[in-house]
Amino acid sequence: QDGSQKLGVWVRSDTQGIGTMTYLDLNGNFGALGHGIS
């Protein structure tokens, strides 16, 4: 209605939040959350 062209799709290209760091190994690699970010 405003004259712009659209495809009628909702999208997202990034996400952010707060979680807890689980471990840091002796080589500086880390693991966190224990589940994926969905």
PDB file of all heavy atoms in Angstrom:
ATOM      1  N   GLN A   1       0.811  -1.217   0.000  1.00  0.00           N
ATOM      2  CA  GLN A   1       0.000   0.000   0.000  1.00  0.00           C
ATOM      3  C   GLN A   1       0.843   1.265   0.000  1.00  0.00           C
ATOM      4  O   GLN A   1       0.396   2.314  -0.447  1.00  0.00           O
ATOM      5  CB  GLN A   1      -0.952  -0.002   1.204  1.00  0.00           C
ATOM      6  CG  GLN A   1      -2.103  -0.997   1.057  1.00  0.00           C
ATOM      7  CD  GLN A   1      -3.056  -0.954   2.234  1.00  0.00           C
ATOM      8  OE1 GLN A   1      -2.631  -0.779   3.383  1.00  0.00           O
ATOM      9  NE2 GLN A   1      -4.348  -1.117   1.967  1.00  0.00           N
ATOM     10  N   ASP A   2       2.080   1.158   0.520  1.00  0.00           N
ATOM     11  CA  ASP A   2       2.953   2.333   0.523  1.00  0.00           C
ATOM     12  C   ASP A   2       3.766   2.456  -0.767  1.00  0.00           C
ATOM     13  O   ASP A   2       4.622   3.334  -0.902  1.00  0.00           O
ATOM     14  CB  ASP A   2       3.892   2.309   1.734  1.00  0.00           C
ATOM     15  CG  ASP A   2       4.826   1.099   1.726  1.00  0.00           C
ATOM     16  OD1 ASP A   2       4.805   0.331   0.734  1.00  0.00           O
ATOM     17  OD2 ASP A   2       5.561   0.916   2.712  1.00  0.00           O
ATOM     18  N   GLY A   3       3.509   1.551  -1.711  1.00  0.00           N
ATOM     19  CA  GLY A   3       4.179   1.619  -3.007  1.00  0.00           C
ATOM     20  C   GLY A   3       5.477   0.849  -3.106  1.00  0.00           C
ATOM     21  O   GLY A   3       6.091   0.781  -4.175  1.00  0.00           O
ATOM     22  N   SER A   4       5.925   0.236  -2.023  1.00  0.00           N
ATOM     23  CA  SER A   4       7.182  -0.516  -2.043  1.00  0.00           C
ATOM     24  C   SER A   4       6.943  -1.960  -2.475  1.00  0.00           C
ATOM     25  O   SER A   4       5.831  -2.482  -2.365  1.00  0.00           O
ATOM     26  CB  SER A   4       7.828  -0.503  -0.648  1.00  0.00           C
ATOM     27  OG  SER A   4       6.977  -1.127   0.305  1.00  0.00           O
ATOM     28  N   GLN A   5       7.992  -2.593  -3.009  1.00  0.00           N
ATOM     29  CA  GLN A   5       7.913  -3.979  -3.448  1.00  0.00           C
ATOM     30  C   GLN A   5       8.302  -4.918  -2.300  1.00  0.00           C
ATOM     31  O   GLN A   5       9.278  -4.659  -1.591  1.00  0.00           O
ATOM     32  CB  GLN A   5       8.853  -4.215  -4.636  1.00  0.00           C
ATOM     33  CG  GLN A   5       8.511  -3.392  -5.856  1.00  0.00           C
ATOM     34  CD  GLN A   5       9.457  -3.703  -6.993  1.00  0.00           C
ATOM     35  OE1 GLN A   5       9.147  -4.489  -7.884  1.00  0.00           O
ATOM     36  NE2 GLN A   5      10.621  -3.083  -6.965  1.00  0.00           N
ATOM     37  N   LYS A   6       7.528  -5.988  -2.139  1.00  0.00           N
ATOM     38  CA  LYS A   6       7.791  -6.925  -1.051  1.00  0.00           C
ATOM     39  C   LYS A   6       7.559  -8.349  -1.531  1.00  0.00           C
ATOM     40  O   LYS A   6       6.825  -8.594  -2.499  1.00  0.00           O
ATOM     41  CB  LYS A   6       6.902  -6.618   0.157  1.00  0.00           C
ATOM     42  CG  LYS A   6       7.229  -5.280   0.821  1.00  0.00           C
ATOM     43  CD  LYS A   6       6.391  -5.046   2.072  1.00  0.00           C
ATOM     44  CE  LYS A   6       6.776  -3.716   2.731  1.00  0.00           C
ATOM     45  NZ  LYS A   6       5.941  -3.439   3.919  1.00  0.00           N
ATOM     46  N   LEU A   7       8.205  -9.299  -0.819  1.00  0.00           N
ATOM     47  CA  LEU A   7       8.079 -10.716  -1.157  1.00  0.00           C
ATOM     48  C   LEU A   7       7.175 -11.467  -0.190  1.00  0.00           C
ATOM     49  O   LEU A   7       6.910 -12.655  -0.385  1.00  0.00           O
ATOM     50  CB  LEU A   7       9.463 -11.390  -1.163  1.00  0.00           C
ATOM     51  CG  LEU A   7      10.479 -10.846  -2.161  1.00  0.00           C
ATOM     52  CD1 LEU A   7      11.795 -11.594  -2.028  1.00  0.00           C
ATOM     53  CD2 LEU A   7       9.942 -10.942  -3.584  1.00  0.00           C
ATOM     54  N   GLY A   8       6.719 -10.779   0.864  1.00  0.00           N
ATOM     55  CA  GLY A   8       5.828 -11.430   1.821  1.00  0.00           C
ATOM     56  C   GLY A   8       6.502 -12.510   2.628  1.00  0.00           C
ATOM     57  O   GLY A   8       5.939 -13.588   2.849  1.00  0.00           O
ATOM     58  N   VAL A   9       7.725 -12.242   3.092  1.00  0.00           N
ATOM     59  CA  VAL A   9       8.461 -13.224   3.881  1.00  0.00           C
ATOM     60  C   VAL A   9       9.101 -12.545   5.081  1.00  0.00           C
ATOM     61  O   VAL A   9       9.653 -11.443   4.974  1.00  0.00           O
ATOM     62  CB  VAL A   9       9.515 -13.950   3.004  1.00  0.00           C
ATOM     63  CG1 VAL A   9      10.488 -12.955   2.387  1.00  0.00           C
ATOM     64  CG2 VAL A   9      10.275 -14.992   3.806  1.00  0.00           C
ATOM     65  N   TRP A  10       8.971 -13.183   6.238  1.00  0.00           N
ATOM     66  CA  TRP A  10       9.618 -12.691   7.455  1.00  0.00           C
ATOM     67  C   TRP A  10      10.968 -13.384   7.586  1.00  0.00           C
ATOM     68  O   TRP A  10      11.068 -14.611   7.452  1.00  0.00           O
ATOM     69  CB  TRP A  10       8.774 -13.006   8.689  1.00  0.00           C
ATOM     70  CG  TRP A  10       7.437 -12.331   8.685  1.00  0.00           C
ATOM     71  CD1 TRP A  10       6.239 -12.853   8.302  1.00  0.00           C
ATOM     72  CD2 TRP A  10       7.170 -10.981   9.096  1.00  0.00           C
ATOM     73  NE1 TRP A  10       5.241 -11.929   8.432  1.00  0.00           N
ATOM     74  CE2 TRP A  10       5.770 -10.769   8.921  1.00  0.00           C
ATOM     75  CE3 TRP A  10       7.952  -9.941   9.567  1.00  0.00           C
ATOM     76  CZ2 TRP A  10       5.148  -9.564   9.212  1.00  0.00           C
ATOM     77  CZ3 TRP A  10       7.348  -8.731   9.869  1.00  0.00           C
ATOM     78  CH2 TRP A  10       5.969  -8.551   9.689  1.00  0.00           C
ATOM     79  N   VAL A  11      12.023 -12.595   7.846  1.00  0.00           N
ATOM     80  CA  VAL A  11      13.374 -13.157   7.882  1.00  0.00           C
ATOM     81  C   VAL A  11      14.149 -12.635   9.090  1.00  0.00           C
ATOM     82  O   VAL A  11      13.782 -11.647   9.718  1.00  0.00           O
ATOM     83  CB  VAL A  11      14.160 -12.813   6.593  1.00  0.00           C
ATOM     84  CG1 VAL A  11      13.505 -13.442   5.380  1.00  0.00           C
ATOM     85  CG2 VAL A  11      14.285 -11.300   6.414  1.00  0.00           C
ATOM     86  N   ARG A  12      15.245 -13.345   9.382  1.00  0.00           N
ATOM     87  CA  ARG A  12      16.153 -12.937  10.455  1.00  0.00           C
ATOM     88  C   ARG A  12      17.564 -13.343  10.048  1.00  0.00           C
ATOM     89  O   ARG A  12      17.764 -14.435   9.506  1.00  0.00           O
ATOM     90  CB  ARG A  12      15.767 -13.595  11.784  1.00  0.00           C
ATOM     91  CG  ARG A  12      16.624 -13.170  12.956  1.00  0.00           C
ATOM     92  CD  ARG A  12      16.153 -13.814  14.263  1.00  0.00           C
ATOM     93  NE  ARG A  12      14.892 -13.250  14.712  1.00  0.00           N
ATOM     94  CZ  ARG A  12      13.798 -13.963  14.965  1.00  0.00           C
ATOM     95  NH1 ARG A  12      13.814 -15.272  14.803  1.00  0.00           N
ATOM     96  NH2 ARG A  12      12.701 -13.387  15.382  1.00  0.00           N
ATOM     97  N   SER A  13      18.541 -12.476  10.299  1.00  0.00           N
ATOM     98  CA  SER A  13      19.922 -12.798   9.904  1.00  0.00           C
ATOM     99  C   SER A  13      20.883 -12.845  11.088  1.00  0.00           C
ATOM    100  O   SER A  13      22.065 -13.148  10.904  1.00  0.00           O
ATOM    101  CB  SER A  13      20.437 -11.792   8.874  1.00  0.00           C
ATOM    102  OG  SER A  13      20.364 -10.466   9.372  1.00  0.00           O
ATOM    103  N   ASP A  14      20.406 -12.545  12.290  1.00  0.00           N
ATOM    104  CA  ASP A  14      21.273 -12.655  13.471  1.00  0.00           C
ATOM    105  C   ASP A  14      20.421 -12.855  14.719  1.00  0.00           C
ATOM    106  O   ASP A  14      19.191 -12.720  14.682  1.00  0.00           O
ATOM    107  CB  ASP A  14      22.178 -11.419  13.627  1.00  0.00           C
ATOM    108  CG  ASP A  14      21.372 -10.120  13.759  1.00  0.00           C
ATOM    109  OD1 ASP A  14      20.136 -10.177  13.892  1.00  0.00           O
ATOM    110  OD2 ASP A  14      21.981  -9.042  13.731  1.00  0.00           O
ATOM    111  N   THR A  15      21.070 -13.213  15.801  1.00  0.00           N
ATOM    112  CA  THR A  15      20.387 -13.395  17.077  1.00  0.00           C
ATOM    113  C   THR A  15      21.371 -13.141  18.198  1.00  0.00           C
ATOM    114  O   THR A  15      22.593 -13.272  18.015  1.00  0.00           O
ATOM    115  CB  THR A  15      19.782 -14.814  17.182  1.00  0.00           C
ATOM    116  OG1 THR A  15      18.979 -14.913  18.361  1.00  0.00           O
ATOM    117  CG2 THR A  15      20.872 -15.877  17.259  1.00  0.00           C
ATOM    118  N   GLN A  16      20.867 -12.779  19.360  1.00  0.00           N
ATOM    119  CA  GLN A  16      21.731 -12.504  20.508  1.00  0.00           C
ATOM    120  C   GLN A  16      21.018 -12.855  21.810  1.00  0.00           C
ATOM    121  O   GLN A  16      19.800 -12.990  21.850  1.00  0.00           O
ATOM    122  CB  GLN A  16      22.179 -11.031  20.532  1.00  0.00           C
ATOM    123  CG  GLN A  16      21.067 -10.016  20.442  1.00  0.00           C
ATOM    124  CD  GLN A  16      20.695  -9.707  19.023  1.00  0.00           C
ATOM    125  OE1 GLN A  16      21.543  -9.617  18.147  1.00  0.00           O
ATOM    126  NE2 GLN A  16      19.409  -9.554  18.758  1.00  0.00           N
ATOM    127  N   GLY A  17      21.797 -13.023  22.868  1.00  0.00           N
ATOM    128  CA  GLY A  17      21.228 -13.349  24.166  1.00  0.00           C
ATOM    129  C   GLY A  17      22.320 -13.543  25.203  1.00  0.00           C
ATOM    130  O   GLY A  17      23.503 -13.269  24.955  1.00  0.00           O
ATOM    131  N   ILE A  18      21.910 -14.018  26.370  1.00  0.00           N
ATOM    132  CA  ILE A  18      22.835 -14.233  27.492  1.00  0.00           C
ATOM    133  C   ILE A  18      22.794 -15.698  27.900  1.00  0.00           C
ATOM    134  O   ILE A  18      21.718 -16.298  27.981  1.00  0.00           O
ATOM    135  CB  ILE A  18      22.456 -13.335  28.686  1.00  0.00           C
ATOM    136  CG1 ILE A  18      22.646 -11.865  28.317  1.00  0.00           C
ATOM    137  CG2 ILE A  18      23.294 -13.677  29.918  1.00  0.00           C
ATOM    138  CD1 ILE A  18      22.173 -10.904  29.388  1.00  0.00           C
ATOM    139  N   GLY A  19      23.954 -16.279  28.116  1.00  0.00           N
ATOM    140  CA  GLY A  19      24.053 -17.658  28.579  1.00  0.00           C
ATOM    141  C   GLY A  19      25.224 -17.807  29.525  1.00  0.00           C
ATOM    142  O   GLY A  19      25.827 -16.821  29.951  1.00  0.00           O
ATOM    143  N   THR A  20      25.554 -19.041  29.859  1.00  0.00           N
ATOM    144  CA  THR A  20      26.617 -19.315  30.826  1.00  0.00           C
ATOM    145  C   THR A  20      27.710 -20.161  30.191  1.00  0.00           C
ATOM    146  O   THR A  20      27.432 -21.164  29.517  1.00  0.00           O
ATOM    147  CB  THR A  20      26.046 -20.034  32.062  1.00  0.00           C
ATOM    148  OG1 THR A  20      25.080 -19.186  32.691  1.00  0.00           O
ATOM    149  CG2 THR A  20      27.145 -20.356  33.064  1.00  0.00           C
ATOM    150  N   MET A  21      28.953 -19.741  30.417  1.00  0.00           N
ATOM    151  CA  MET A  21      30.112 -20.479  29.926  1.00  0.00           C
ATOM    152  C   MET A  21      30.301 -21.741  30.783  1.00  0.00           C
ATOM    153  O   MET A  21      30.358 -21.658  32.006  1.00  0.00           O
ATOM    154  CB  MET A  21      31.362 -19.616  30.013  1.00  0.00           C
ATOM    155  CG  MET A  21      32.620 -20.277  29.523  1.00  0.00           C
ATOM    156  SD  MET A  21      32.575 -20.604  27.767  1.00  0.00           S
ATOM    157  CE  MET A  21      32.643 -18.929  27.128  1.00  0.00           C
ATOM    158  N   THR A  22      30.407 -22.890  30.128  1.00  0.00           N
ATOM    159  CA  THR A  22      30.548 -24.155  30.851  1.00  0.00           C
ATOM    160  C   THR A  22      31.997 -24.466  31.181  1.00  0.00           C
ATOM    161  O   THR A  22      32.360 -24.677  32.341  1.00  0.00           O
ATOM    162  CB  THR A  22      29.952 -25.321  30.030  1.00  0.00           C
ATOM    163  OG1 THR A  22      28.601 -25.026  29.693  1.00  0.00           O
ATOM    164  CG2 THR A  22      30.001 -26.620  30.832  1.00  0.00           C
ATOM    165  N   TYR A  23      32.848 -24.508  30.154  1.00  0.00           N
ATOM    166  CA  TYR A  23      34.232 -24.906  30.401  1.00  0.00           C
ATOM    167  C   TYR A  23      35.177 -24.176  29.466  1.00  0.00           C
ATOM    168  O   TYR A  23      34.796 -23.693  28.395  1.00  0.00           O
ATOM    169  CB  TYR A  23      34.412 -26.417  30.243  1.00  0.00           C
ATOM    170  CG  TYR A  23      34.283 -26.909  28.821  1.00  0.00           C
ATOM    171  CD1 TYR A  23      35.357 -26.857  27.934  1.00  0.00           C
ATOM    172  CD2 TYR A  23      33.075 -27.412  28.344  1.00  0.00           C
ATOM    173  CE1 TYR A  23      35.244 -27.291  26.624  1.00  0.00           C
ATOM    174  CE2 TYR A  23      32.948 -27.853  27.032  1.00  0.00           C
ATOM    175  CZ  TYR A  23      34.030 -27.787  26.182  1.00  0.00           C
ATOM    176  OH  TYR A  23      33.912 -28.207  24.886  1.00  0.00           O
ATOM    177  N   LEU A  24      36.414 -24.137  29.884  1.00  0.00           N
ATOM    178  CA  LEU A  24      37.523 -23.638  29.075  1.00  0.00           C
ATOM    179  C   LEU A  24      38.614 -24.692  29.161  1.00  0.00           C
ATOM    180  O   LEU A  24      39.087 -25.012  30.260  1.00  0.00           O
ATOM    181  CB  LEU A  24      38.016 -22.298  29.626  1.00  0.00           C
ATOM    182  CG  LEU A  24      39.108 -21.559  28.852  1.00  0.00           C
ATOM    183  CD1 LEU A  24      38.590 -21.130  27.487  1.00  0.00           C
ATOM    184  CD2 LEU A  24      39.584 -20.349  29.640  1.00  0.00           C
ATOM    185  N   ASP A  25      38.983 -25.284  28.017  1.00  0.00           N
ATOM    186  CA  ASP A  25      39.999 -26.336  28.092  1.00  0.00           C
ATOM    187  C   ASP A  25      41.400 -25.734  28.109  1.00  0.00           C
ATOM    188  O   ASP A  25      41.574 -24.509  28.026  1.00  0.00           O
ATOM    189  CB  ASP A  25      39.813 -27.377  26.980  1.00  0.00           C
ATOM    190  CG  ASP A  25      40.192 -26.868  25.588  1.00  0.00           C
ATOM    191  OD1 ASP A  25      40.879 -25.827  25.474  1.00  0.00           O
ATOM    192  OD2 ASP A  25      39.805 -27.525  24.600  1.00  0.00           O
ATOM    193  N   LEU A  26      42.409 -26.579  28.204  1.00  0.00           N
ATOM    194  CA  LEU A  26      43.779 -26.111  28.384  1.00  0.00           C
ATOM    195  C   LEU A  26      44.361 -25.493  27.119  1.00  0.00           C
ATOM    196  O   LEU A  26      45.442 -24.906  27.162  1.00  0.00           O
ATOM    197  CB  LEU A  26      44.661 -27.279  28.858  1.00  0.00           C
ATOM    198  CG  LEU A  26      44.193 -27.984  30.147  1.00  0.00           C
ATOM    199  CD1 LEU A  26      45.225 -29.007  30.594  1.00  0.00           C
ATOM    200  CD2 LEU A  26      43.908 -26.989  31.260  1.00  0.00           C
ATOM    201  N   ASN A  27      43.644 -25.603  25.996  1.00  0.00           N
ATOM    202  CA  ASN A  27      44.084 -24.996  24.748  1.00  0.00           C
ATOM    203  C   ASN A  27      43.334 -23.710  24.423  1.00  0.00           C
ATOM    204  O   ASN A  27      43.507 -23.145  23.342  1.00  0.00           O
ATOM    205  CB  ASN A  27      43.916 -25.992  23.590  1.00  0.00           C
ATOM    206  CG  ASN A  27      44.780 -27.223  23.746  1.00  0.00           C
ATOM    207  OD1 ASN A  27      45.964 -27.124  24.085  1.00  0.00           O
ATOM    208  ND2 ASN A  27      44.208 -28.397  23.525  1.00  0.00           N
ATOM    209  N   GLY A  28      42.474 -23.275  25.348  1.00  0.00           N
ATOM    210  CA  GLY A  28      41.730 -22.046  25.131  1.00  0.00           C
ATOM    211  C   GLY A  28      40.427 -22.225  24.388  1.00  0.00           C
ATOM    212  O   GLY A  28      39.772 -21.235  24.022  1.00  0.00           O
ATOM    213  N   ASN A  29      40.000 -23.469  24.154  1.00  0.00           N
ATOM    214  CA  ASN A  29      38.713 -23.725  23.513  1.00  0.00           C
ATOM    215  C   ASN A  29      37.615 -23.758  24.579  1.00  0.00           C
ATOM    216  O   ASN A  29      37.836 -24.248  25.691  1.00  0.00           O
ATOM    217  CB  ASN A  29      38.742 -25.055  22.765  1.00  0.00           C
ATOM    218  CG  ASN A  29      39.825 -25.100  21.710  1.00  0.00           C
ATOM    219  OD1 ASN A  29      39.924 -24.211  20.877  1.00  0.00           O
ATOM    220  ND2 ASN A  29      40.673 -26.128  21.763  1.00  0.00           N
ATOM    221  N   PHE A  30      36.430 -23.264  24.234  1.00  0.00           N
ATOM    222  CA  PHE A  30      35.354 -23.210  25.218  1.00  0.00           C
ATOM    223  C   PHE A  30      34.115 -23.944  24.727  1.00  0.00           C
ATOM    224  O   PHE A  30      33.923 -24.198  23.539  1.00  0.00           O
ATOM    225  CB  PHE A  30      34.980 -21.757  25.549  1.00  0.00           C
ATOM    226  CG  PHE A  30      34.312 -21.007  24.417  1.00  0.00           C
ATOM    227  CD1 PHE A  30      32.965 -21.204  24.124  1.00  0.00           C
ATOM    228  CD2 PHE A  30      35.031 -20.106  23.655  1.00  0.00           C
ATOM    229  CE1 PHE A  30      32.348 -20.519  23.091  1.00  0.00           C
ATOM    230  CE2 PHE A  30      34.420 -19.415  22.606  1.00  0.00           C
ATOM    231  CZ  PHE A  30      33.075 -19.629  22.324  1.00  0.00           C
ATOM    232  N   GLY A  31      33.267 -24.298  25.685  1.00  0.00           N
ATOM    233  CA  GLY A  31      31.927 -24.819  25.416  1.00  0.00           C
ATOM    234  C   GLY A  31      30.959 -24.128  26.339  1.00  0.00           C
ATOM    235  O   GLY A  31      31.292 -23.828  27.494  1.00  0.00           O
ATOM    236  N   ALA A  32      29.762 -23.837  25.858  1.00  0.00           N
ATOM    237  CA  ALA A  32      28.781 -23.121  26.668  1.00  0.00           C
ATOM    238  C   ALA A  32      27.371 -23.630  26.372  1.00  0.00           C
ATOM    239  O   ALA A  32      27.130 -24.294  25.365  1.00  0.00           O
ATOM    240  CB  ALA A  32      28.868 -21.617  26.394  1.00  0.00           C
ATOM    241  N   LEU A  33      26.459 -23.340  27.276  1.00  0.00           N
ATOM    242  CA  LEU A  33      25.013 -23.576  27.173  1.00  0.00           C
ATOM    243  C   LEU A  33      24.583 -25.025  27.362  1.00  0.00           C
ATOM    244  O   LEU A  33      23.629 -25.297  28.074  1.00  0.00           O
ATOM    245  CB  LEU A  33      24.447 -23.058  25.846  1.00  0.00           C
ATOM    246  CG  LEU A  33      24.593 -21.567  25.561  1.00  0.00           C
ATOM    247  CD1 LEU A  33      23.854 -21.215  24.268  1.00  0.00           C
ATOM    248  CD2 LEU A  33      24.089 -20.722  26.705  1.00  0.00           C
ATOM    249  N   GLY A  34      25.231 -25.975  26.683  1.00  0.00           N
ATOM    250  CA  GLY A  34      24.792 -27.368  26.781  1.00  0.00           C
ATOM    251  C   GLY A  34      23.629 -27.696  25.858  1.00  0.00           C
ATOM    252  O   GLY A  34      23.178 -28.835  25.791  1.00  0.00           O
ATOM    253  N   HIS A  35      23.120 -26.697  25.164  1.00  0.00           N
ATOM    254  CA  HIS A  35      22.101 -26.904  24.134  1.00  0.00           C
ATOM    255  C   HIS A  35      22.323 -25.865  23.048  1.00  0.00           C
ATOM    256  O   HIS A  35      22.990 -24.850  23.263  1.00  0.00           O
ATOM    257  CB  HIS A  35      20.682 -26.792  24.693  1.00  0.00           C
ATOM    258  CG  HIS A  35      20.367 -25.442  25.284  1.00  0.00           C
ATOM    259  ND1 HIS A  35      20.141 -24.314  24.515  1.00  0.00           N
ATOM    260  CD2 HIS A  35      20.243 -25.044  26.570  1.00  0.00           C
ATOM    261  CE1 HIS A  35      19.887 -23.281  25.303  1.00  0.00           C
ATOM    262  NE2 HIS A  35      19.952 -23.694  26.556  1.00  0.00           N
ATOM    263  N   GLY A  36      21.767 -26.105  21.879  1.00  0.00           N
ATOM    264  CA  GLY A  36      21.953 -25.160  20.795  1.00  0.00           C
ATOM    265  C   GLY A  36      21.088 -23.926  20.951  1.00  0.00           C
ATOM    266  O   GLY A  36      20.090 -23.926  21.681  1.00  0.00           O
ATOM    267  N   ILE A  37      21.484 -22.854  20.265  1.00  0.00           N
ATOM    268  CA  ILE A  37      20.651 -21.655  20.207  1.00  0.00           C
ATOM    269  C   ILE A  37      19.692 -21.830  19.040  1.00  0.00           C
ATOM    270  O   ILE A  37      20.097 -21.930  17.882  1.00  0.00           O
ATOM    271  CB  ILE A  37      21.506 -20.387  20.033  1.00  0.00           C
ATOM    272  CG1 ILE A  37      22.377 -20.191  21.276  1.00  0.00           C
ATOM    273  CG2 ILE A  37      20.628 -19.170  19.783  1.00  0.00           C
ATOM    274  CD1 ILE A  37      23.267 -18.977  21.213  1.00  0.00           C
ATOM    275  N   SER A  38      18.410 -21.875  19.361  1.00  0.00           N
ATOM    276  CA  SER A  38      17.379 -22.087  18.354  1.00  0.00           C
ATOM    277  C   SER A  38      16.648 -20.788  18.068  1.00  0.00           C
ATOM    278  O   SER A  38      16.543 -19.911  18.933  1.00  0.00           O
ATOM    279  CB  SER A  38      16.367 -23.149  18.825  1.00  0.00           C
ATOM    280  OG  SER A  38      17.017 -24.376  19.083  1.00  0.00           O
TER     281      SER A  38
END
